[in-house]
């Protein structure tokens, strides 16, 4: 917004909200990484257009590209979840049978990792 200085992300929180130092550092690190990501993407767009200066439309293009990538990933994750749900539904097992099978697999896994590892 014109006339507003750049504020640290946590300065925008209501005064009654407090954050641990680790939380603040993580938010700042994420913001810096996001800026690097968008800057790199905008620079690539700028170079593709044979421009030497990153313009606002390059930033907008980078943001749009990132949002479209996230949307694509989200839709794929939804499809994967639906396939998994269908696989469970199509298994022919009752919820109780599925629970028993899961507990059996967990027990086998715990037993496997409880055994001492043999040296080659």
Protein backbone atom coordinates (compact mmCIF):
# COMPACT_ATOMS: atom_id res chain seq x y z
CA UNK A 1 0.00 0.00 0.00
CA UNK A 2 1.37 3.42 -0.83
CA UNK A 3 2.63 5.39 2.14
CA UNK A 4 3.07 2.37 4.39
CA UNK A 5 6.52 1.26 5.42
CA UNK A 6 7.52 -2.37 5.30
CA UNK A 7 6.67 -4.07 8.59
CA UNK A 8 8.02 -7.30 9.99
CA UNK A 9 5.37 -10.04 9.70
CA UNK A 10 4.90 -10.39 13.45
CA UNK A 11 4.50 -6.63 13.95
CA UNK A 12 1.17 -6.99 12.16
CA UNK A 13 -0.23 -9.29 14.86
CA UNK A 14 -2.62 -7.86 17.45
CA UNK A 15 -0.80 -6.59 20.55
CA UNK A 16 -2.31 -9.30 22.77
CA UNK A 17 -0.76 -12.08 20.65
CA UNK A 18 2.72 -13.17 21.67
CA UNK A 19 5.10 -15.54 19.91
CA UNK A 20 8.09 -17.52 21.07
CA UNK A 21 11.44 -16.44 19.66
CA UNK A 22 11.68 -19.72 17.70
CA UNK A 23 8.26 -19.03 16.17
CA UNK A 24 9.27 -15.49 15.22
CA UNK A 25 12.50 -16.74 13.68
CA UNK A 26 10.65 -19.42 11.71
CA UNK A 27 8.10 -16.92 10.35
CA UNK A 28 10.90 -14.57 9.30
CA UNK A 29 12.82 -17.43 7.67
CA UNK A 30 9.69 -18.50 5.76
CA UNK A 31 9.10 -14.93 4.57
CA UNK A 32 12.68 -14.58 3.37
CA UNK A 33 12.46 -17.92 1.54
CA UNK A 34 9.16 -16.87 -0.07
CA UNK A 35 10.69 -13.60 -1.26
CA UNK A 36 13.66 -15.49 -2.74
CA UNK A 37 11.33 -17.91 -4.48
CA UNK A 38 9.17 -15.17 -6.01
CA UNK A 39 12.24 -13.08 -6.92
CA UNK A 40 13.84 -16.01 -8.74
CA UNK A 41 10.63 -16.82 -10.59
CA UNK A 42 10.13 -13.14 -11.53
CA UNK A 43 13.73 -12.95 -12.74
CA UNK A 44 13.18 -15.99 -14.99
CA UNK A 45 10.07 -14.36 -16.45
CA UNK A 46 12.01 -11.14 -16.95
CA UNK A 47 14.82 -12.98 -18.76
CA UNK A 48 12.34 -14.87 -20.97
CA UNK A 49 11.00 -11.49 -22.10
CA UNK A 50 14.59 -10.28 -22.72
CA UNK A 51 14.15 -7.53 -20.13
CA UNK A 52 16.86 -6.33 -17.77
CA UNK A 53 14.66 -4.94 -15.01
CA UNK A 54 12.08 -6.88 -13.02
CA UNK A 55 8.76 -5.07 -13.36
CA UNK A 56 5.59 -5.41 -11.27
CA UNK A 57 3.99 -7.62 -13.94
CA UNK A 58 6.91 -10.06 -13.57
CA UNK A 59 6.21 -10.32 -9.84
CA UNK A 60 2.50 -10.80 -10.53
CA UNK A 61 3.35 -13.51 -13.08
CA UNK A 62 5.61 -15.25 -10.54
CA UNK A 63 2.90 -15.13 -7.87
CA UNK A 64 0.32 -16.45 -10.34
CA UNK A 65 2.64 -19.28 -11.34
CA UNK A 66 3.23 -20.27 -7.71
CA UNK A 67 -0.48 -20.18 -6.90
CA UNK A 68 -1.25 -22.33 -9.95
CA UNK A 69 1.44 -24.84 -8.89
CA UNK A 70 0.00 -25.03 -5.37
CA UNK A 71 -3.51 -25.51 -6.78
CA UNK A 72 -2.28 -28.30 -9.06
CA UNK A 73 -0.57 -30.04 -6.12
CA UNK A 74 -3.68 -29.63 -3.97
CA UNK A 75 -5.90 -31.18 -6.64
CA UNK A 76 -3.48 -34.11 -6.99
CA UNK A 77 -3.47 -34.65 -3.23
CA UNK A 78 -7.28 -34.66 -3.23
CA UNK A 79 -7.32 -37.29 -5.99
CA UNK A 80 -4.79 -39.38 -4.06
CA UNK A 81 -6.93 -39.17 -0.91
CA UNK A 82 -10.04 -40.16 -2.86
CA UNK A 83 -8.21 -43.14 -4.39
CA UNK A 84 -7.04 -44.19 -0.94
CA UNK A 85 -10.59 -43.88 0.43
CA UNK A 86 -11.92 -45.91 -2.51
CA UNK A 87 -9.24 -48.56 -1.97
CA UNK A 88 -10.27 -48.88 1.68
CA UNK A 89 -13.97 -48.95 0.78
CA UNK A 90 -13.38 -51.49 -1.99
CA UNK A 91 -11.31 -53.77 0.27
CA UNK A 92 -14.46 -55.55 1.42
CA UNK A 93 -13.28 -55.42 5.03
CA UNK A 94 -15.27 -53.97 7.90
CA UNK A 95 -13.85 -51.03 9.85
CA UNK A 96 -13.09 -53.44 12.70
CA UNK A 97 -11.21 -55.80 10.35
CA UNK A 98 -9.25 -52.86 8.89
CA UNK A 99 -8.38 -51.70 12.43
CA UNK A 100 -7.20 -55.21 13.38
CA UNK A 101 -5.08 -55.45 10.21
CA UNK A 102 -3.52 -52.05 10.94
CA UNK A 103 -2.70 -53.05 14.53
CA UNK A 104 -1.14 -56.28 13.24
CA UNK A 105 1.06 -54.35 10.80
CA UNK A 106 2.13 -51.93 13.54
CA UNK A 107 3.01 -54.86 15.82
CA UNK A 108 5.12 -56.46 13.07
CA UNK A 109 6.91 -53.18 12.49
CA UNK A 110 7.61 -52.67 16.20
CA UNK A 111 8.93 -56.23 16.48
CA UNK A 112 11.19 -55.73 13.47
CA UNK A 113 12.75 -52.56 14.86
CA UNK A 114 13.02 -53.97 18.39
CA UNK A 115 15.41 -56.67 17.21
CA UNK A 116 19.10 -55.79 17.44
CA UNK A 117 20.59 -54.85 14.07
CA UNK A 118 23.10 -57.38 12.76
CA UNK A 119 26.43 -56.06 11.53
CA UNK A 120 27.44 -57.25 8.00
